[in-house]
Protein backbone atom coordinates (compact mmCIF):
# COMPACT_ATOMS: atom_id res chain seq x y z
CA UNK A 1 26.02 40.48 -38.29
CA UNK A 2 23.06 41.86 -36.38
CA UNK A 3 23.18 42.86 -32.81
CA UNK A 4 20.56 42.31 -30.20
CA UNK A 5 19.75 45.99 -30.28
CA UNK A 6 18.88 45.91 -33.94
CA UNK A 7 16.46 43.01 -33.54
CA UNK A 8 14.73 44.64 -30.64
CA UNK A 9 14.51 47.93 -32.47
CA UNK A 10 11.22 46.93 -34.11
CA UNK A 11 8.35 48.61 -32.31
CA UNK A 12 6.24 46.25 -30.22
CA UNK A 13 2.92 47.34 -28.78
CA UNK A 14 2.93 47.91 -25.06
CA UNK A 15 0.55 46.08 -22.81
CA UNK A 16 -1.67 49.14 -22.53
CA UNK A 17 -1.93 49.41 -26.33
CA UNK A 18 -2.95 45.76 -26.78
CA UNK A 19 -5.57 45.97 -24.04
CA UNK A 20 -6.99 49.09 -25.53
CA UNK A 21 -7.38 47.54 -28.98
CA UNK A 22 -8.77 44.31 -27.54
CA UNK A 23 -11.22 46.10 -25.30
CA UNK A 24 -12.40 48.36 -28.06
CA UNK A 25 -12.97 45.36 -30.35
CA UNK A 26 -15.09 43.56 -27.77
CA UNK A 27 -16.88 46.77 -26.90
CA UNK A 28 -17.70 47.36 -30.56
CA UNK A 29 -18.97 43.80 -30.91
CA UNK A 30 -21.12 44.19 -27.82
CA UNK A 31 -22.59 47.43 -29.07
CA UNK A 32 -23.44 45.80 -32.42
CA UNK A 33 -25.24 42.96 -30.63
CA UNK A 34 -27.14 45.45 -28.50
CA UNK A 35 -28.24 47.41 -31.55
CA UNK A 36 -29.62 44.24 -33.12
CA UNK A 37 -31.40 43.00 -29.99
CA UNK A 38 -32.52 46.28 -28.49
CA UNK A 39 -32.53 47.03 -24.80
CA UNK A 40 -31.86 44.11 -22.44
CA UNK A 41 -34.56 42.95 -20.03
CA UNK A 42 -32.44 43.68 -16.97
CA UNK A 43 -31.27 47.04 -18.36
CA UNK A 44 -27.68 45.91 -17.85
CA UNK A 45 -26.26 46.80 -21.21
CA UNK A 46 -22.81 45.50 -20.38
CA UNK A 47 -24.09 41.94 -20.11
CA UNK A 48 -24.24 39.91 -23.31
CA UNK A 49 -27.32 37.76 -23.79
CA UNK A 50 -26.82 34.02 -23.41
CA UNK A 51 -28.05 31.78 -26.17
CA UNK A 52 -28.91 28.76 -23.99
CA UNK A 53 -29.40 27.89 -20.38
CA UNK A 54 -26.24 26.94 -18.52
CA UNK A 55 -27.60 23.46 -17.87
CA UNK A 56 -28.20 22.91 -21.60
CA UNK A 57 -24.60 23.83 -22.38
CA UNK A 58 -23.15 21.16 -20.08
CA UNK A 59 -23.63 17.63 -21.48
CA UNK A 60 -22.39 16.01 -18.24
CA UNK A 61 -25.30 17.52 -16.34
CA UNK A 62 -27.75 15.74 -18.63
CA UNK A 63 -25.97 12.44 -17.98
CA UNK A 64 -26.13 12.96 -14.23
CA UNK A 65 -29.85 13.62 -14.34
CA UNK A 66 -30.36 10.06 -15.54
CA UNK A 67 -31.04 10.38 -19.21
CA UNK A 68 -34.31 8.86 -20.27
CA UNK A 69 -37.43 8.37 -18.19
CA UNK A 70 -37.11 4.57 -18.26
CA UNK A 71 -33.58 4.70 -16.85
CA UNK A 72 -34.65 7.06 -14.06
CA UNK A 73 -37.60 4.85 -13.16
CA UNK A 74 -35.34 1.77 -13.13
CA UNK A 75 -32.87 3.52 -10.81
CA UNK A 76 -35.75 4.62 -8.58
CA UNK A 77 -37.12 1.07 -8.40
CA UNK A 78 -33.67 -0.28 -7.48
CA UNK A 79 -33.26 2.35 -4.77
CA UNK A 80 -36.71 1.53 -3.36
CA UNK A 81 -35.84 -2.17 -3.25
CA UNK A 82 -32.54 -1.39 -1.54
CA UNK A 83 -34.25 0.82 1.05
CA UNK A 84 -36.83 -1.89 1.76
CA UNK A 85 -34.08 -4.50 2.15
CA UNK A 86 -32.13 -2.31 4.60
CA UNK A 87 -35.30 -1.48 6.55
CA UNK A 88 -36.04 -5.21 6.86
CA UNK A 89 -32.49 -5.90 8.03
CA UNK A 90 -32.71 -3.12 10.61
CA UNK A 91 -36.05 -4.43 11.89
CA UNK A 92 -34.54 -7.91 12.28
CA UNK A 93 -31.59 -6.49 14.23
CA UNK A 94 -33.89 -4.46 16.48
CA UNK A 95 -36.01 -7.56 17.12
CA UNK A 96 -32.93 -9.59 18.06
CA UNK A 97 -31.74 -6.84 20.41
CA UNK A 98 -35.18 -6.60 22.03
CA UNK A 99 -35.29 -10.36 22.64
CA UNK A 100 -31.79 -10.33 24.12
CA UNK A 101 -32.71 -7.41 26.38
CA UNK A 102 -35.85 -9.19 27.65
CA UNK A 103 -33.87 -12.36 28.27
CA UNK A 104 -31.21 -10.42 30.20
CA UNK A 105 -33.84 -8.68 32.35
CA UNK A 106 -35.59 -11.97 33.15
CA UNK A 107 -32.27 -13.53 34.13
CA UNK A 108 -31.49 -10.58 36.42
CA UNK A 109 -34.90 -10.89 38.12
CA UNK A 110 -34.42 -14.63 38.64
CA UNK A 111 -30.97 -14.02 40.10
CA UNK A 112 -32.28 -11.43 42.58
CA UNK A 113 -35.13 -13.72 43.59
CA UNK A 114 -32.80 -16.66 44.11
CA UNK A 115 -30.57 -14.50 46.30
CA UNK A 116 -33.57 -13.65 48.46
CA UNK A 117 -34.67 -17.30 48.62
CA UNK A 118 -31.24 -18.59 49.58
CA UNK A 119 -30.55 -16.06 52.31
CA UNK A 120 -30.42 -17.20 55.90
CA UNK A 121 -32.37 -15.02 58.26
CA UNK A 122 -33.43 -14.91 61.84
CA UNK A 123 -36.75 -13.75 63.14
CA UNK A 124 -36.63 -10.73 65.42
CA UNK A 125 -39.30 -11.08 68.03
CA UNK A 126 -38.79 -7.85 69.92
CA UNK A 127 -38.79 -4.43 68.30
CA UNK A 128 -36.33 -3.08 70.85
CA UNK A 129 -33.52 -4.91 69.08
CA UNK A 130 -34.38 -3.08 65.85
CA UNK A 131 -34.33 0.28 67.63
CA UNK A 132 -30.86 -0.42 69.01
CA UNK A 133 -29.46 -1.32 65.59
CA UNK A 134 -27.35 1.08 63.58
CA UNK A 135 -28.71 2.69 60.47
CA UNK A 136 -26.83 0.33 58.13
CA UNK A 137 -28.16 -2.72 59.94
CA UNK A 138 -31.72 -1.41 59.77
CA UNK A 139 -31.42 -1.05 55.99
CA UNK A 140 -30.59 -4.75 55.78
CA UNK A 141 -33.59 -5.81 57.85
CA UNK A 142 -36.47 -7.06 55.75
CA UNK A 143 -39.96 -7.95 56.77
CA UNK A 144 -40.85 -11.60 56.59
CA UNK A 145 -43.98 -10.71 54.64
CA UNK A 146 -41.83 -9.04 51.93
CA UNK A 147 -39.74 -12.16 51.51
CA UNK A 148 -42.80 -14.40 51.31
CA UNK A 149 -44.53 -12.13 48.80
CA UNK A 150 -41.46 -12.16 46.53
CA UNK A 151 -41.28 -15.94 46.59
CA UNK A 152 -45.03 -16.20 45.89
CA UNK A 153 -44.73 -13.92 42.86
CA UNK A 154 -41.91 -15.98 41.44
CA UNK A 155 -43.81 -19.22 41.94
CA UNK A 156 -46.86 -17.91 40.09
CA UNK A 157 -44.68 -16.63 37.22
CA UNK A 158 -42.89 -19.94 36.92
CA UNK A 159 -46.21 -21.84 36.69
CA UNK A 160 -47.34 -19.74 33.69
C-alpha cells in the first residue's frame, strides 16, 4: 500500500522552472526568426513580424464590409432610396405643420378683429375727461381712427 507521501515524492518542476524553460524556448524561436529575417524595420527586436494584416486575419470583418462590389452598390442604392423616402415624408409633415400654423394665425387675427368690431364704445368729446382718467383707463382708450382702420383692413382682406 502506498502512502500519499510516496506518490508526491516524485519531483515536479516548480512554477519558476517551467516559466524559465518556456521563456527560453520562445526566446530561442524568436532569435531564429530574427536571424532569418534580419533586423526589423522598427528596430524592435522583441516584436515578431506578422504574416498578414489584422483585417485579413478576421473573416467577419470582410463580411461586414459588404463582400462584393455588386452587393455594396445594392445596399447603397437601397439606403439612398430609404433616405429619399424619409426626406419626402419629412417635407410632407413640415408642409402640413406650416399650413396648420398659417390657419391658426389667420383665425387669431379674425378673432381679434371681431372683438374690436363688436365692442361698444362711446365717443369722448372733451380731452379733459381723458386727462382725469387713471393710467389703466387711458390704456383702454382707443382712437376712433384706429378702430376704423382695422375694420377697413379686414374688409379689403376678405374681398381678396
